[in-house]
Amino acid sequence: MKRGLIKRNYKTATLKDVKANPVVDAYIKKADEHMAAIGYTEHGFRHASLTANIAHNIIEQLRLPERDAELAAIAGYLHDVGNLIGRYDHGEGSALLVNSILKDMEMDPLEIASIMGAIGNHEEEKGVPVSTIAAALILADKSDVHHSRVRNPHMISFDIHDRVNYAAKKSFVRVNKKEKTITLEVIIDTEVSQVMEYFEIFLSRMIMCQHAAKFLGCRFSLVINNVRLL
């Protein structure tokens, strides 16, 4: 018997469908509660939605397949649900939880596999851009540095992660298809945190973004306070 997927009518799930799923809603809520309990920045609905939107926009601006943009958005929205199990290896945990969720939504197994691969590779410790979807997710996730993610502003005096995020007043991912560049533009209040502190904690993320942009055929740039640093 020839091997292969059983032919059936799978559902073409969208980000809207995923957001309407009560299991997804519960998982994101609990994952963020657990992150709050261990003192991490916001990883809830705001971060999930923003990551989804940026990932979609990157692929859309590069004029890549629209379905890839939608799958990247779904991956972006779901990429941190594994934090409800634990922070360590949460990429793999997220991918496994997402497999169950999307199978229940009767999504095409090949699309589920693509989303799982992207989510499982979004952590800077060991992730790599294995696909267009993964590359867009990496760039979207790592670009979300913003003061609104800080839960307790009183922590900024002795917690560098909170301080750098709190200092970031604006961040934007600019895609230029013609010049083949993907630029992260950040505005930092240097009275709160110096630019060097950004590199101190985010250097590995920026290197990962360089690899992701290269996978998409682009060059990654970092501009802080209107000064190009990468």
Protein backbone atom coordinates (compact mmCIF):
# COMPACT_ATOMS: atom_id res chain seq x y z
CA MET A 1 0.00 0.00 0.00
CA LYS A 2 1.36 3.38 -1.01
CA ARG A 3 2.22 5.58 1.92
CA GLY A 4 0.84 9.09 2.27
CA LEU A 5 -1.76 11.21 3.97
CA ILE A 6 -5.34 9.99 3.72
CA LYS A 7 -7.22 12.27 1.36
CA ARG A 8 -9.93 14.20 3.15
CA ASN A 9 -11.43 17.64 3.26
CA TYR A 10 -9.41 19.52 5.82
CA LYS A 11 -10.52 22.90 7.08
CA THR A 12 -8.67 26.04 6.06
CA ALA A 13 -8.27 27.56 9.50
CA THR A 14 -7.56 31.26 9.89
CA LEU A 15 -6.18 33.37 12.71
CA LYS A 16 -9.74 34.49 13.40
CA ASP A 17 -10.76 30.84 13.91
CA VAL A 18 -7.84 30.25 16.26
CA LYS A 19 -8.64 33.34 18.32
CA ALA A 20 -12.23 32.12 18.70
CA ASN A 21 -11.10 28.76 20.10
CA PRO A 22 -11.84 28.64 23.87
CA VAL A 23 -8.93 26.24 24.47
CA VAL A 24 -6.51 28.72 22.93
CA ASP A 25 -8.02 31.49 25.02
CA ALA A 26 -7.56 29.50 28.21
CA TYR A 27 -4.01 28.40 27.38
CA ILE A 28 -2.77 31.91 26.61
CA LYS A 29 -4.39 33.26 29.75
CA LYS A 30 -2.83 30.60 31.98
CA ALA A 31 0.56 30.80 30.27
CA ASP A 32 0.72 34.52 30.99
CA GLU A 33 -0.38 33.99 34.59
CA HIS A 34 2.50 31.56 35.05
CA MET A 35 4.95 34.02 33.51
CA ALA A 36 3.72 36.70 35.88
CA ALA A 37 4.19 34.35 38.83
CA ILE A 38 7.89 33.90 38.02
CA GLY A 39 8.46 37.58 37.33
CA TYR A 40 8.60 37.69 33.53
CA THR A 41 7.30 40.42 31.24
CA GLU A 42 3.89 40.17 29.59
CA HIS A 43 3.43 37.09 27.40
CA GLY A 44 -0.35 37.22 27.04
CA PHE A 45 -2.90 38.33 24.47
CA ARG A 46 -1.09 41.57 23.62
CA HIS A 47 2.20 39.83 22.80
CA ALA A 48 0.42 37.00 20.99
CA SER A 49 -1.63 39.35 18.81
CA LEU A 50 1.27 41.65 18.02
CA THR A 51 3.56 38.76 17.11
CA ALA A 52 0.85 37.36 14.84
CA ASN A 53 0.32 40.70 13.10
CA ILE A 54 4.03 41.37 12.56
CA ALA A 55 4.72 37.85 11.25
CA HIS A 56 1.83 38.18 8.79
CA ASN A 57 2.99 41.62 7.69
CA ILE A 58 6.57 40.51 7.04
CA ILE A 59 5.47 37.79 4.61
CA GLU A 60 2.81 40.00 3.05
CA GLN A 61 5.26 42.87 2.48
CA LEU A 62 7.74 40.50 0.82
CA ARG A 63 4.94 39.38 -1.53
CA LEU A 64 5.26 35.75 -0.48
CA PRO A 65 2.27 33.34 -0.56
CA GLU A 66 -0.74 34.66 1.35
CA ARG A 67 -1.36 31.29 2.97
CA ASP A 68 2.16 31.37 4.41
CA ALA A 69 1.32 34.77 5.90
CA GLU A 70 -1.78 33.33 7.56
CA LEU A 71 0.10 30.31 8.90
CA ALA A 72 2.80 32.63 10.27
CA ALA A 73 0.10 34.67 12.00
CA ILE A 74 -1.35 31.52 13.59
CA ALA A 75 2.13 30.43 14.70
CA GLY A 76 2.74 33.90 16.12
CA TYR A 77 -0.46 33.85 18.11
CA LEU A 78 0.20 30.40 19.56
CA HIS A 79 3.99 30.37 19.97
CA ASP A 80 4.10 30.89 23.76
CA VAL A 81 1.25 28.68 25.01
CA GLY A 82 3.84 26.19 26.29
CA ASN A 83 4.65 28.61 29.10
CA LEU A 84 1.64 27.18 30.89
CA ILE A 85 3.71 24.01 31.37
CA GLY A 86 7.01 25.71 32.13
CA ARG A 87 9.41 28.33 30.81
CA TYR A 88 12.25 25.92 30.05
CA ASP A 89 11.91 24.46 26.53
CA HIS A 90 8.60 26.23 26.13
CA GLY A 91 9.05 26.23 22.35
CA GLU A 92 8.77 22.46 22.18
CA GLY A 93 5.95 22.47 24.73
CA SER A 94 4.08 25.06 22.70
CA ALA A 95 4.49 23.05 19.49
CA LEU A 96 3.08 19.90 21.07
CA LEU A 97 0.10 21.72 22.56
CA VAL A 98 -0.55 23.44 19.25
CA ASN A 99 -0.55 20.08 17.45
CA SER A 100 -3.44 18.90 19.60
CA ILE A 101 -5.36 22.17 19.23
CA LEU A 102 -5.08 22.36 15.45
CA LYS A 103 -5.84 18.65 14.94
CA ASP A 104 -9.08 19.18 16.85
CA MET A 105 -9.81 22.07 14.47
CA GLU A 106 -9.37 19.56 11.58
CA MET A 107 -6.56 21.53 10.00
CA ASP A 108 -4.40 20.07 7.21
CA PRO A 109 -1.60 17.98 8.82
CA LEU A 110 1.01 19.54 6.54
CA GLU A 111 0.02 23.01 7.69
CA ILE A 112 0.03 21.86 11.31
CA ALA A 113 3.53 20.47 10.80
CA SER A 114 4.71 23.79 9.34
CA ILE A 115 3.33 25.72 12.30
CA MET A 116 4.82 23.25 14.79
CA GLY A 117 8.23 23.53 13.15
CA ALA A 118 8.12 27.32 13.33
CA ILE A 119 7.02 27.41 16.96
CA GLY A 120 9.55 24.78 18.01
CA ASN A 121 12.33 26.93 16.56
CA HIS A 122 11.48 30.37 17.94
CA GLU A 123 13.73 30.27 21.04
CA GLU A 124 17.09 31.96 20.58
CA GLU A 125 18.97 29.30 22.60
CA LYS A 126 18.61 26.70 19.86
CA GLY A 127 16.05 27.77 17.28
CA VAL A 128 16.81 28.16 13.58
CA PRO A 129 14.72 29.57 10.70
CA VAL A 130 13.71 26.29 9.10
CA SER A 131 11.00 27.82 6.90
CA THR A 132 9.46 31.09 5.75
CA ILE A 133 6.94 30.79 8.56
CA ALA A 134 9.65 30.16 11.15
CA ALA A 135 11.73 33.11 9.94
CA ALA A 136 8.78 35.49 10.11
CA LEU A 137 7.87 34.25 13.59
CA ILE A 138 11.42 34.74 14.87
CA LEU A 139 11.58 38.32 13.59
CA ALA A 140 8.14 39.14 14.95
CA ASP A 141 8.71 37.65 18.39
CA LYS A 142 12.17 39.10 18.96
CA SER A 143 11.10 42.59 17.88
CA ASP A 144 8.55 43.00 20.66
CA VAL A 145 10.43 45.12 23.16
CA HIS A 146 8.11 47.72 24.68
CA HIS A 147 7.39 49.47 27.96
CA SER A 148 3.84 48.11 28.08
CA ARG A 149 5.21 44.59 28.69
CA VAL A 150 6.63 45.56 32.09
CA ARG A 151 4.29 44.45 34.86
CA ASN A 152 5.94 46.28 37.74
CA PRO A 153 7.81 49.53 36.95
CA HIS A 154 9.34 49.44 40.44
CA MET A 155 11.48 46.50 39.26
CA ILE A 156 13.39 48.52 36.66
CA SER A 157 15.97 49.76 39.17
CA PHE A 158 17.44 46.25 39.63
CA ASP A 159 16.08 44.06 36.80
CA ILE A 160 17.80 44.72 33.47
CA HIS A 161 15.11 42.97 31.37
CA ASP A 162 12.36 45.09 32.86
CA ARG A 163 14.51 48.19 32.60
CA VAL A 164 15.29 47.73 28.90
CA ASN A 165 11.68 46.95 28.06
CA TYR A 166 10.44 49.88 30.11
CA ALA A 167 12.87 52.19 28.32
CA ALA A 168 11.57 51.12 24.90
CA LYS A 169 8.89 53.64 24.01
CA LYS A 170 8.37 52.47 20.46
CA SER A 171 9.39 49.55 18.26
CA PHE A 172 8.52 48.90 14.64
CA VAL A 173 9.52 46.32 12.04
CA ARG A 174 9.98 47.94 8.63
CA VAL A 175 10.12 45.70 5.55
CA ASN A 176 11.53 47.02 2.28
CA LYS A 177 11.07 44.47 -0.48
CA LYS A 178 12.88 46.57 -3.09
CA GLU A 179 16.01 47.00 -0.97
CA LYS A 180 15.60 43.53 0.59
CA THR A 181 15.90 44.82 4.15
CA ILE A 182 14.06 44.11 7.36
CA THR A 183 14.71 46.80 9.93
CA LEU A 184 13.84 46.86 13.61
CA GLU A 185 13.41 50.49 14.67
CA VAL A 186 13.44 51.15 18.42
CA ILE A 187 13.12 54.34 20.41
CA ILE A 188 14.77 54.05 23.84
CA ASP A 189 14.57 56.48 26.73
CA THR A 190 18.25 56.63 27.66
CA GLU A 191 17.40 58.14 31.03
CA VAL A 192 15.89 54.77 31.93
CA SER A 193 18.32 52.43 30.16
CA GLN A 194 21.43 52.88 28.04
CA VAL A 195 21.61 51.43 24.53
CA MET A 196 24.45 49.14 25.64
CA GLU A 197 22.05 47.38 28.02
CA TYR A 198 19.83 46.52 25.05
CA PHE A 199 22.75 44.70 23.43
CA GLU A 200 23.72 43.12 26.72
CA ILE A 201 20.50 41.14 26.92
CA PHE A 202 19.30 41.03 23.31
CA LEU A 203 22.47 40.34 21.29
CA SER A 204 21.58 36.67 20.77
CA ARG A 205 18.11 37.72 19.61
CA MET A 206 19.55 40.15 17.07
CA ILE A 207 21.86 37.46 15.70
CA MET A 208 18.86 35.17 15.36
CA CYS A 209 16.99 37.93 13.53
CA GLN A 210 19.94 38.27 11.13
CA HIS A 211 19.71 34.57 10.30
CA ALA A 212 15.91 34.79 9.88
CA ALA A 213 16.15 37.79 7.55
CA LYS A 214 18.83 36.03 5.51
CA PHE A 215 16.54 33.01 5.13
CA LEU A 216 13.95 35.38 3.64
CA GLY A 217 16.54 36.79 1.24
CA CYS A 218 16.91 40.02 3.17
CA ARG A 219 19.42 41.86 5.35
CA PHE A 220 18.51 42.63 8.95
CA SER A 221 19.16 46.10 10.36
CA LEU A 222 18.75 47.57 13.82
CA VAL A 223 18.09 51.27 14.28
CA ILE A 224 17.96 52.66 17.82
CA ASN A 225 17.06 56.31 18.38
CA ASN A 226 17.45 56.93 14.63
CA VAL A 227 21.03 55.58 14.62
CA ARG A 228 21.77 52.48 12.55
CA LEU A 229 23.69 50.00 14.69
CA LEU A 230 23.48 46.89 12.55
